[in-house]
Amino acid sequence: MSLEVKVPSVGESISEVTIASWSKKDGDYVEMDEVLCELESDKATFEVTAESSGILHIKAQEGETLDIGALLCEIDDSAKSNGQSESKPAAKEEKPAKAESSEPKSTGNVVEMKVPAVGESINEVTIASWSKKDGDFVELDEVIAEIESDKATFELTAEASGILKIVVQEGETVDIGALICKIEEMEGGSSAQTSSGGDAPAAESKPAEQKEGSYAAGHASPAAAKIMEEKGLKSDDIKGTGRDGRITKEDALNAQKAEKSAPASKPAAEGAPVLAASGSREQRREKMTSLRKTISKRLVSVKNETAMLTTFNEVNMGPIMELRKKYKEAFKEKYEVGLGFMSFFGKACSMALKEWPAVNAMIDGEEIVYNDYADISIAVSTPKGLVVPVIRNAESLSFDQFEKEVIRLAVKARDGKLSIDEMQGGTFTITNGGIFGSMLSTPIINAPQAAILGMHNIVERPVAVNGEVKIQPIMYVALSYDHRIIDGRESVSFLVRVKELLEDPTRLLLGV
């Protein structure tokens, strides 16, 4: 009986693949789960393994491009019982003798691991990296992969001990609940034993040899080689991004585009010398992270779906700076936390939000939802992008409690340890571009919120005080708001109220 092996589905947006190479020849005897060939799409490279033991009959040759579901080869599994392979039976004679040793044995049970639910509003994740390779032995609860959502990064641990079979490759995006890998449960195994003998490791040793020999850095895949030949490109001019540095079809296309876009420089006059460019002109490409892609989509969506306007004002920071200078040491000694500007702005916004509730509201369908509490989101810049953890019930916090919560959330954000709950919700956002030197900006609303306050750097400027020109530390503040909910009167009045509270900090303490 012949078993048909077809091109598997390797990604939602991939409709065809190219046969990069065959690991076996037509007529060879193959073992179950042994690597037969490598398929290459415009995004990644994938291995196809034998679904049964038997004689291989190849139906598609190297370099051919096939649709998903097309026939790759057939395996005559009846050859296993007829003993048509001369070299394999001898190997099989030895295995029963070894079976008596302490080598790992398959239990016959395969555990399917699926993408876990990582948050209420998250419906897809990206495979950031695999900690283990396909065919490795993994222990129960051992970290095997890192998955990335648009909000945070999570670790995936093994649900059983056994041989890992990777189904989804690095960089692929899959839905929650999708199959991500399989683990063939083993008895008496360990990570050290997988390299010494056992069925699964033996099957995995051949692909490793193949990678070292046939696919060295700079080697072009068949599809890439065809494009390079047509366009006169050389492998030395292209940096491969595929497995082991191999040049993929996408690398060849990108190199083609780069060559076309390079303008042909001509001297202004025939006798004019041509100056050679000095210094490095290298480029590098990095795939956008899931977080960065989601931030991009959300920002564009807000610009397109809201009637966003920005109003500005200026704040004399002198009174706050004097207050901080006077009580900074005593405050830190008592509460073990520094007295920063963020607590003043947080308290001022909390009070102003009570007086102008539309600024603290949001649209839900055809209704406006007004919040009687102030959950203030604080924008924090991290190596992976901008995140906005939420300070709950900011209106009820004291200055020291607000400062401690800001520090706690900022540290967790930069360490990538924020939970989904700590980033969800929020009724109003504060962002401080001043720490990077920004003088003035128009911050984008953090949907579905209706407004965001932008802080900026403090600069000494000449201002009129009681008919006299004085140099004062001035900060420009900006309030971006959704004009569908908030009218001009409300937005301007809110910002003026914040200005009054900041320029006279005693109002914050007295609540007036």
Protein backbone atom coordinates (compact mmCIF):
# COMPACT_ATOMS: atom_id res chain seq x y z
CA MET A 1 0.00 0.00 0.00
CA SER A 2 1.33 3.45 -0.97
CA LEU A 3 0.93 6.43 1.35
CA GLU A 4 0.69 9.81 -0.37
CA VAL A 5 2.68 12.67 1.18
CA LYS A 6 1.36 16.11 0.20
CA VAL A 7 2.58 19.67 0.71
CA PRO A 8 1.39 20.64 4.22
CA SER A 9 -0.21 23.95 5.14
CA VAL A 10 2.69 26.04 6.48
CA GLY A 11 1.03 29.39 7.14
CA GLU A 12 -2.17 31.31 6.67
CA SER A 13 -0.85 33.58 3.89
CA ILE A 14 1.35 30.99 2.12
CA SER A 15 -0.21 29.39 -0.97
CA GLU A 16 2.82 27.78 -2.63
CA VAL A 17 6.26 26.44 -1.76
CA THR A 18 9.44 25.44 -3.57
CA ILE A 19 11.22 22.11 -3.03
CA ALA A 20 14.62 23.27 -1.78
CA SER A 21 16.20 19.80 -1.52
CA TRP A 22 15.53 16.11 -1.01
CA SER A 23 17.30 14.42 1.89
CA LYS A 24 16.55 11.00 0.35
CA LYS A 25 16.75 9.62 -3.17
CA ASP A 26 14.00 7.97 -5.17
CA GLY A 27 13.81 4.30 -4.11
CA ASP A 28 15.50 4.80 -0.72
CA TYR A 29 14.12 3.12 2.37
CA VAL A 30 12.91 5.74 4.94
CA GLU A 31 11.95 5.44 8.57
CA MET A 32 8.83 7.01 10.08
CA ASP A 33 9.40 10.66 11.13
CA GLU A 34 12.67 10.80 9.16
CA VAL A 35 13.21 14.09 7.29
CA LEU A 36 12.47 13.64 3.59
CA CYS A 37 12.91 17.11 2.15
CA GLU A 38 13.00 20.82 2.84
CA LEU A 39 10.32 23.17 1.49
CA GLU A 40 10.88 26.87 1.09
CA SER A 41 8.28 29.65 1.00
CA ASP A 42 8.86 33.36 0.55
CA LYS A 43 8.98 33.65 4.36
CA ALA A 44 10.64 30.59 5.85
CA THR A 45 11.96 27.05 5.35
CA PHE A 46 10.13 23.92 6.54
CA GLU A 47 10.98 20.22 6.86
CA VAL A 48 8.71 17.39 5.69
CA THR A 49 9.00 14.11 7.59
CA ALA A 50 7.95 10.61 6.61
CA GLU A 51 4.50 9.63 7.84
CA SER A 52 5.37 5.93 7.60
CA SER A 53 8.32 3.59 7.04
CA GLY A 54 8.84 2.22 3.54
CA ILE A 55 10.24 2.79 0.05
CA LEU A 56 10.23 6.43 -1.15
CA HIS A 57 8.87 7.31 -4.62
CA ILE A 58 9.54 10.98 -5.42
CA LYS A 59 6.85 12.75 -7.50
CA ALA A 60 8.18 16.35 -7.54
CA GLN A 61 11.80 17.32 -8.14
CA GLU A 62 14.08 19.88 -6.49
CA GLY A 63 13.40 23.44 -7.62
CA GLU A 64 9.75 22.80 -8.50
CA THR A 65 7.13 25.17 -7.08
CA LEU A 66 3.99 23.44 -5.79
CA ASP A 67 0.66 24.58 -4.37
CA ILE A 68 -0.36 23.69 -0.82
CA GLY A 69 -1.86 20.19 -0.89
CA ALA A 70 0.00 19.07 -4.03
CA LEU A 71 1.54 15.58 -4.13
CA LEU A 72 5.19 15.49 -3.03
CA CYS A 73 5.94 11.78 -2.93
CA GLU A 74 4.59 8.34 -2.10
CA ILE A 75 5.83 5.86 0.50
CA ASP A 76 5.33 2.15 -0.15
CA ASP A 77 4.83 1.00 3.43
CA SER A 78 4.39 -2.64 2.36
CA ALA A 79 8.14 -2.73 1.77
CA LYS A 80 8.64 -2.64 5.51
CA SER A 81 7.21 -6.09 6.00
CA ASN A 82 8.72 -7.54 2.78
CA GLY A 83 12.23 -6.58 3.86
CA GLN A 84 13.13 -4.70 0.66
CA SER A 85 15.84 -2.67 2.38
CA GLU A 86 19.08 -4.54 2.92
CA SER A 87 20.81 -2.07 5.21
CA LYS A 88 17.89 -1.31 7.49
CA PRO A 89 16.99 -4.83 8.64
CA ALA A 90 20.51 -5.21 10.00
CA ALA A 91 20.08 -2.06 12.00
CA LYS A 92 16.75 -3.29 13.23
CA GLU A 93 18.33 -6.52 14.43
CA GLU A 94 20.48 -4.55 16.84
CA LYS A 95 17.73 -2.41 18.30
CA PRO A 96 15.88 -5.15 20.18
CA ALA A 97 19.12 -5.94 22.02
CA LYS A 98 19.49 -2.30 22.98
CA ALA A 99 15.90 -2.10 24.07
CA GLU A 100 16.82 -3.93 27.24
CA SER A 101 19.02 -1.00 28.33
CA SER A 102 17.92 2.16 30.09
CA GLU A 103 17.42 4.11 26.87
CA PRO A 104 14.18 6.13 26.57
CA LYS A 105 11.16 4.29 25.22
CA SER A 106 8.14 5.81 23.53
CA THR A 107 4.87 5.34 25.39
CA GLY A 108 2.95 5.74 22.14
CA ASN A 109 1.19 8.80 23.52
CA VAL A 110 1.57 12.15 21.72
CA VAL A 111 0.68 15.34 23.61
CA GLU A 112 -0.55 18.17 21.39
CA MET A 113 0.34 21.61 22.75
CA LYS A 114 -1.81 24.53 21.67
CA VAL A 115 -1.48 28.29 22.08
CA PRO A 116 -2.89 29.08 25.54
CA ALA A 117 -5.27 31.94 26.27
CA VAL A 118 -3.02 34.78 27.49
CA GLY A 119 -5.54 37.59 27.94
CA GLU A 120 -9.14 38.56 27.37
CA SER A 121 -8.50 40.85 24.39
CA ILE A 122 -5.68 38.84 22.76
CA ASN A 123 -6.71 36.56 19.89
CA GLU A 124 -3.35 35.87 18.23
CA VAL A 125 0.33 35.56 19.16
CA THR A 126 3.67 35.36 17.37
CA ILE A 127 6.31 32.69 18.01
CA ALA A 128 9.21 34.89 19.15
CA SER A 129 11.75 32.07 19.63
CA TRP A 130 12.13 28.36 20.34
CA SER A 131 14.34 27.43 23.30
CA LYS A 132 14.53 23.86 21.99
CA LYS A 133 15.06 22.43 18.51
CA ASP A 134 12.84 20.01 16.64
CA GLY A 135 13.67 16.50 17.86
CA ASP A 136 15.15 17.60 21.19
CA PHE A 137 14.22 15.81 24.40
CA VAL A 138 12.31 18.12 26.76
CA GLU A 139 11.41 17.71 30.41
CA LEU A 140 7.98 18.39 31.91
CA ASP A 141 7.51 22.13 32.70
CA GLU A 142 10.74 23.03 30.88
CA VAL A 143 10.57 26.32 28.93
CA ILE A 144 10.48 25.44 25.23
CA ALA A 145 9.39 28.67 23.54
CA GLU A 146 8.65 32.35 23.97
CA ILE A 147 5.42 33.71 22.49
CA GLU A 148 4.73 37.37 21.93
CA SER A 149 1.41 39.21 21.82
CA ASP A 150 0.73 42.84 21.04
CA LYS A 151 0.99 43.63 24.75
CA ALA A 152 3.48 41.32 26.43
CA THR A 153 5.77 38.28 26.08
CA PHE A 154 5.03 34.89 27.65
CA GLU A 155 6.96 31.66 28.19
CA LEU A 156 5.61 28.33 26.96
CA THR A 157 6.47 25.27 29.07
CA ALA A 158 6.39 21.59 28.10
CA GLU A 159 3.25 19.72 29.15
CA ALA A 160 5.05 16.35 29.12
CA SER A 161 8.53 14.79 28.93
CA GLY A 162 9.52 13.47 25.53
CA ILE A 163 10.63 14.28 22.00
CA LEU A 164 9.61 17.73 20.71
CA LYS A 165 8.03 18.03 17.25
CA ILE A 166 7.72 21.69 16.24
CA VAL A 167 4.68 22.53 14.12
CA VAL A 168 4.83 26.35 13.99
CA GLN A 169 8.12 28.04 13.13
CA GLU A 170 9.68 31.18 14.61
CA GLY A 171 8.11 34.41 13.37
CA GLU A 172 4.77 32.86 12.46
CA THR A 173 1.56 34.37 13.86
CA VAL A 174 -1.14 31.93 15.01
CA ASP A 175 -4.53 32.19 16.67
CA ILE A 176 -5.24 31.30 20.30
CA GLY A 177 -5.92 27.56 20.50
CA ALA A 178 -3.89 26.70 17.38
CA LEU A 179 -1.56 23.68 17.44
CA ILE A 180 1.98 24.85 18.14
CA CYS A 181 3.95 21.64 18.73
CA LYS A 182 3.71 17.97 19.69
CA ILE A 183 5.56 16.00 22.35
CA GLU A 184 6.02 12.24 21.93
CA GLU A 185 6.03 11.02 25.53
CA MET A 186 9.06 8.92 26.50
CA GLU A 187 9.77 6.67 29.48
CA GLY A 188 13.12 6.65 31.24
CA GLY A 189 14.53 9.41 29.05
CA SER A 190 16.59 12.50 29.74
CA SER A 191 18.13 15.26 27.70
CA ALA A 192 21.55 13.59 28.02
CA GLN A 193 20.30 10.27 26.63
CA THR A 194 18.85 11.75 23.46
CA SER A 195 22.31 12.21 21.97
CA SER A 196 23.58 8.69 22.68
CA GLY A 197 21.21 6.34 21.08
CA GLY A 198 17.34 5.93 21.04
CA ASP A 199 14.99 5.96 18.10
CA ALA A 200 14.10 9.66 17.96
CA PRO A 201 17.67 11.00 18.20
CA ALA A 202 18.86 8.63 15.49
CA ALA A 203 16.21 9.94 13.16
CA GLU A 204 17.28 13.49 13.87
CA SER A 205 21.01 13.00 13.25
CA LYS A 206 20.76 13.06 9.46
CA PRO A 207 19.18 16.47 9.06
CA ALA A 208 21.94 17.92 11.25
CA GLU A 209 24.57 16.53 8.87
CA GLN A 210 22.59 17.89 5.96
CA LYS A 211 22.53 21.41 7.40
CA GLU A 212 26.29 21.42 7.90
CA GLY A 213 27.04 20.20 4.38
CA SER A 214 24.45 21.31 1.83
CA TYR A 215 23.23 24.55 3.33
CA ALA A 216 26.20 26.66 4.27
CA ALA A 217 25.97 30.42 4.51
CA GLY A 218 25.66 32.10 1.13
CA HIS A 219 24.10 29.11 -0.63
CA ALA A 220 21.08 30.12 -2.72
CA SER A 221 17.85 28.12 -2.74
CA PRO A 222 16.58 26.99 -6.17
CA ALA A 223 13.97 29.75 -6.32
CA ALA A 224 16.50 32.39 -5.24
CA ALA A 225 19.14 31.07 -7.67
CA LYS A 226 16.70 31.41 -10.58
CA ILE A 227 15.99 35.07 -9.73
CA MET A 228 19.70 35.79 -9.24
CA GLU A 229 20.55 34.21 -12.60
CA GLU A 230 17.88 36.26 -14.42
CA LYS A 231 19.02 39.52 -12.85
CA GLY A 232 22.76 38.88 -12.92
CA LEU A 233 23.14 38.91 -9.13
CA LYS A 234 25.93 37.13 -7.25
CA SER A 235 25.65 35.31 -3.94
CA ASP A 236 28.57 37.36 -2.57
CA ASP A 237 26.44 40.51 -2.86
CA ILE A 238 23.48 39.13 -0.90
CA LYS A 239 23.30 38.41 2.82
CA GLY A 240 21.14 35.33 3.38
CA THR A 241 18.49 35.43 6.09
CA GLY A 242 17.33 31.83 5.73
CA ARG A 243 18.34 28.80 7.75
CA ASP A 244 22.13 28.65 8.34
CA GLY A 245 22.53 31.87 6.32
CA ARG A 246 21.03 30.48 3.12
CA ILE A 247 19.80 32.98 0.51
CA THR A 248 16.01 32.78 0.20
CA LYS A 249 13.67 33.89 -2.57
CA GLU A 250 12.81 37.00 -0.54
CA ASP A 251 16.52 37.88 -0.16
CA ALA A 252 16.97 37.70 -3.94
CA LEU A 253 13.88 39.86 -4.58
CA ASN A 254 15.03 42.46 -2.05
CA ALA A 255 18.48 42.57 -3.61
CA GLN A 256 16.84 43.03 -7.00
CA LYS A 257 14.82 45.99 -5.71
CA ALA A 258 17.89 47.55 -4.11
CA GLU A 259 19.79 47.28 -7.42
CA LYS A 260 16.95 48.87 -9.39
CA SER A 261 16.54 51.74 -6.95
CA ALA A 262 20.23 52.68 -7.06
CA PRO A 263 20.47 55.75 -9.31
CA ALA A 264 23.08 55.80 -12.04
CA SER A 265 25.26 58.72 -11.06
CA LYS A 266 26.72 60.81 -13.88
CA PRO A 267 29.26 63.60 -13.54
CA ALA A 268 28.03 67.13 -14.17
CA ALA A 269 30.67 67.52 -16.83
CA GLU A 270 32.66 64.98 -18.83
CA GLY A 271 35.92 66.00 -17.23
CA ALA A 272 34.55 66.25 -13.68
CA PRO A 273 36.00 63.67 -11.26
CA VAL A 274 33.64 61.14 -9.70
CA LEU A 275 33.92 61.13 -5.91
CA ALA A 276 33.68 57.70 -4.34
CA ALA A 277 31.40 57.42 -1.30
CA SER A 278 33.31 56.95 1.93
CA GLY A 279 32.17 55.16 5.05
CA SER A 280 29.80 52.27 5.55
CA ARG A 281 26.62 52.05 3.43
CA GLU A 282 25.27 48.80 4.83
CA GLN A 283 21.58 48.32 5.55
CA ARG A 284 19.89 45.92 7.89
CA ARG A 285 16.33 44.67 7.99
CA GLU A 286 14.49 43.66 11.14
CA LYS A 287 11.05 42.15 11.24
CA MET A 288 8.51 44.30 13.08
CA THR A 289 7.57 42.81 16.43
CA SER A 290 3.97 41.97 17.13
CA LEU A 291 3.89 44.81 19.68
CA ARG A 292 5.20 47.34 17.15
CA LYS A 293 2.73 46.20 14.47
CA THR A 294 -0.19 46.51 16.89
CA ILE A 295 0.92 49.95 18.06
CA SER A 296 1.06 51.05 14.41
CA LYS A 297 -2.42 49.74 13.67
CA ARG A 298 -3.90 51.31 16.80
CA LEU A 299 -2.37 54.74 16.17
CA VAL A 300 -3.54 54.85 12.56
CA SER A 301 -6.97 53.63 13.65
CA VAL A 302 -7.28 56.41 16.25
CA LYS A 303 -6.30 59.08 13.72
CA ASN A 304 -8.87 57.77 11.24
CA GLU A 305 -11.76 57.03 13.60
CA THR A 306 -11.73 59.96 16.04
CA ALA A 307 -12.25 63.70 15.66
CA MET A 308 -8.97 64.48 17.42
CA LEU A 309 -7.99 68.04 18.31
CA THR A 310 -5.26 69.42 20.59
CA THR A 311 -5.34 72.43 22.89
CA PHE A 312 -2.24 73.93 24.54
CA ASN A 313 -1.31 75.92 27.61
CA GLU A 314 1.76 76.74 29.66
CA VAL A 315 2.49 76.05 33.31
CA ASN A 316 4.85 77.97 35.58
CA MET A 317 6.64 75.11 37.35
CA GLY A 318 8.41 77.43 39.81
CA PRO A 319 6.07 76.81 42.81
CA ILE A 320 6.27 73.02 42.43
CA MET A 321 10.05 73.13 42.03
CA GLU A 322 10.41 75.25 45.17
CA LEU A 323 8.14 72.90 47.11
CA ARG A 324 10.11 69.87 45.96
CA LYS A 325 13.42 71.53 46.82
CA LYS A 326 12.19 72.39 50.31
CA TYR A 327 10.66 69.03 51.26
CA LYS A 328 12.41 66.56 48.93
CA GLU A 329 14.77 65.09 51.55
CA ALA A 330 12.13 64.91 54.29
CA PHE A 331 9.65 63.32 51.91
CA LYS A 332 12.14 60.65 50.82
CA GLU A 333 13.22 59.93 54.40
CA LYS A 334 9.62 59.41 55.53
CA TYR A 335 8.16 57.55 52.54
CA GLU A 336 11.34 55.99 51.03
CA VAL A 337 10.48 57.31 47.58
CA GLY A 338 11.41 60.48 45.69
CA LEU A 339 8.92 63.30 45.11
CA GLY A 340 8.61 63.65 41.34
CA PHE A 341 6.54 65.78 38.99
CA MET A 342 4.29 62.87 37.94
CA SER A 343 2.47 62.74 41.28
CA PHE A 344 1.61 66.45 41.02
CA PHE A 345 0.26 65.99 37.49
CA GLY A 346 -1.59 62.81 38.46
CA LYS A 347 -3.31 64.47 41.42
CA ALA A 348 -4.12 67.62 39.40
CA CYS A 349 -5.64 65.57 36.55
CA SER A 350 -7.66 63.44 39.02
CA MET A 351 -9.24 66.55 40.51
CA ALA A 352 -9.88 68.18 37.11
CA LEU A 353 -11.47 64.95 35.78
CA LYS A 354 -14.07 65.08 38.55
CA GLU A 355 -15.03 68.62 37.54
CA TRP A 356 -15.09 67.85 33.79
CA PRO A 357 -16.36 64.22 33.52
CA ALA A 358 -16.57 64.27 29.70
CA VAL A 359 -12.75 64.25 29.58
CA ASN A 360 -12.87 61.02 31.60
CA ALA A 361 -15.52 59.37 29.40
CA MET A 362 -15.46 57.06 26.35
CA ILE A 363 -17.77 56.07 23.49
CA ASP A 364 -19.31 52.58 23.48
CA GLY A 365 -21.40 52.12 20.36
CA GLU A 366 -24.05 54.81 20.46
CA GLU A 367 -23.60 55.50 24.18
CA ILE A 368 -21.17 57.63 26.19
CA VAL A 369 -19.76 55.90 29.27
CA TYR A 370 -18.91 58.29 32.14
CA ASN A 371 -16.48 57.04 34.80
CA ASP A 372 -16.78 58.19 38.42
CA TYR A 373 -13.20 57.07 39.10
CA ALA A 374 -9.85 58.03 37.58
CA ASP A 375 -7.78 55.10 36.29
CA ILE A 376 -4.79 56.99 34.88
CA SER A 377 -2.59 55.30 32.27
CA ILE A 378 1.09 56.32 32.36
CA ALA A 379 2.97 55.98 29.05
CA VAL A 380 6.28 54.15 29.59
CA SER A 381 8.95 53.70 26.91
CA THR A 382 10.50 50.20 26.86
CA PRO A 383 13.06 48.50 24.57
CA LYS A 384 10.18 46.72 22.81
CA GLY A 385 7.97 49.79 22.40
CA LEU A 386 5.51 52.03 24.24
CA VAL A 387 3.27 50.50 26.91
CA VAL A 388 0.68 52.20 29.13
CA PRO A 389 0.24 50.54 32.56
CA VAL A 390 -2.69 51.80 34.61
CA ILE A 391 -2.74 53.40 38.07
CA ARG A 392 -6.13 52.41 39.52
CA ASN A 393 -8.25 54.92 41.47
CA ALA A 394 -5.62 57.64 41.23
CA GLU A 395 -8.06 60.10 42.83
CA SER A 396 -7.77 58.26 46.17
CA LEU A 397 -3.96 57.96 46.27
CA SER A 398 -1.65 60.20 48.29
CA PHE A 399 1.51 61.68 46.75
CA ASP A 400 3.76 58.91 48.09
CA GLN A 401 1.35 56.16 47.02
CA PHE A 402 1.17 57.62 43.50
CA GLU A 403 4.98 57.85 43.22
CA LYS A 404 5.46 54.26 44.45
CA GLU A 405 2.90 52.94 41.98
CA VAL A 406 4.56 54.82 39.10
CA ILE A 407 7.97 53.34 39.96
CA ARG A 408 6.56 49.81 40.41
CA LEU A 409 4.81 49.82 37.05
CA ALA A 410 7.72 51.46 35.20
CA VAL A 411 10.20 48.85 36.48
CA LYS A 412 7.90 45.98 35.51
CA ALA A 413 7.33 47.54 32.08
CA ARG A 414 11.04 47.83 31.31
CA ASP A 415 11.64 44.25 32.52
CA GLY A 416 8.78 43.02 30.31
CA LYS A 417 6.89 41.60 33.30
CA LEU A 418 3.65 43.60 33.15
CA SER A 419 0.50 41.49 33.34
CA ILE A 420 -2.44 41.94 31.00
CA ASP A 421 -4.61 43.28 33.85
CA GLU A 422 -2.03 45.98 34.62
CA MET A 423 -2.29 47.31 31.05
CA GLN A 424 -6.05 47.01 30.48
CA GLY A 425 -8.62 49.65 31.28
CA GLY A 426 -7.61 53.21 31.96
CA THR A 427 -9.86 56.25 31.58
CA PHE A 428 -7.24 58.96 30.92
CA THR A 429 -3.56 58.95 29.89
CA ILE A 430 -0.53 61.06 30.81
CA THR A 431 2.61 60.95 28.65
CA ASN A 432 5.86 62.76 29.40
CA GLY A 433 7.89 63.55 26.30
CA GLY A 434 9.86 66.08 28.30
CA ILE A 435 12.19 63.41 29.64
CA PHE A 436 13.52 63.05 26.06
CA GLY A 437 13.74 66.84 25.53
CA SER A 438 10.45 67.44 23.71
CA MET A 439 9.35 71.09 23.80
CA LEU A 440 5.88 70.66 22.27
CA SER A 441 3.89 67.80 20.73
CA THR A 442 0.37 66.64 19.91
CA PRO A 443 -0.01 63.24 21.61
CA ILE A 444 -2.37 60.69 20.05
CA ILE A 445 -5.34 59.51 22.11
CA ASN A 446 -5.06 56.08 23.73
CA ALA A 447 -8.33 54.54 22.44
CA PRO A 448 -11.02 54.01 23.66
CA GLN A 449 -10.17 56.87 26.02
CA ALA A 450 -11.27 60.37 25.06
CA ALA A 451 -8.22 62.43 26.05
CA ILE A 452 -4.48 62.37 26.75
CA LEU A 453 -2.28 64.97 28.49
CA GLY A 454 1.23 65.58 27.14
CA MET A 455 3.96 66.91 29.43
CA HIS A 456 7.10 68.50 27.96
CA ASN A 457 10.50 69.76 29.02
CA ILE A 458 10.93 72.63 31.47
CA VAL A 459 12.72 75.65 30.00
CA GLU A 460 13.48 78.98 31.63
CA ARG A 461 11.60 81.65 29.67
CA PRO A 462 10.91 85.38 30.17
CA VAL A 463 7.32 85.89 31.38
CA ALA A 464 5.36 88.84 32.71
CA VAL A 465 4.72 88.60 36.47
CA ASN A 466 2.77 91.51 38.07
CA GLY A 467 3.87 93.87 35.32
CA GLU A 468 7.54 92.80 35.47
CA VAL A 469 9.52 90.53 33.17
CA LYS A 470 10.95 87.58 35.08
CA ILE A 471 12.70 84.39 34.10
CA GLN A 472 10.54 81.43 35.12
CA PRO A 473 10.71 77.62 34.53
CA ILE A 474 7.91 77.07 32.02
CA MET A 475 6.44 73.81 30.73
CA TYR A 476 4.11 73.63 27.72
CA VAL A 477 1.27 71.15 28.20
CA ALA A 478 -0.98 69.72 25.49
CA LEU A 479 -4.38 68.05 25.75
CA SER A 480 -5.43 65.95 22.76
CA TYR A 481 -9.12 65.07 22.91
CA ASP A 482 -11.92 63.42 20.95
CA HIS A 483 -14.20 66.22 19.76
CA ARG A 484 -17.08 63.74 19.43
CA ILE A 485 -17.34 63.66 23.24
CA ILE A 486 -15.48 66.71 24.46
CA ASP A 487 -16.35 70.23 23.36
CA GLY A 488 -13.85 73.07 23.14
CA ARG A 489 -15.14 74.65 26.34
CA GLU A 490 -14.63 71.46 28.32
CA SER A 491 -11.16 70.74 26.95
CA VAL A 492 -9.85 74.27 27.49
CA SER A 493 -11.44 74.52 30.96
CA PHE A 494 -9.95 71.17 31.97
CA LEU A 495 -6.45 72.27 30.95
CA VAL A 496 -6.85 75.64 32.67
CA ARG A 497 -7.92 73.86 35.87
CA VAL A 498 -4.83 71.63 35.71
CA LYS A 499 -2.69 74.75 35.22
CA GLU A 500 -4.25 76.44 38.28
CA LEU A 501 -3.64 73.41 40.51
CA LEU A 502 -0.02 73.02 39.40
CA GLU A 503 0.88 76.69 39.73
CA ASP A 504 -0.58 76.75 43.27
CA PRO A 505 0.21 73.29 44.78
CA THR A 506 -1.55 74.13 48.04
CA ARG A 507 -4.83 73.75 46.10
CA LEU A 508 -3.92 70.07 45.60
CA LEU A 509 -3.53 69.57 49.34
CA LEU A 510 -6.69 71.48 50.24
CA GLY A 511 -8.77 70.16 47.33
CA VAL A 512 -9.89 73.62 46.18
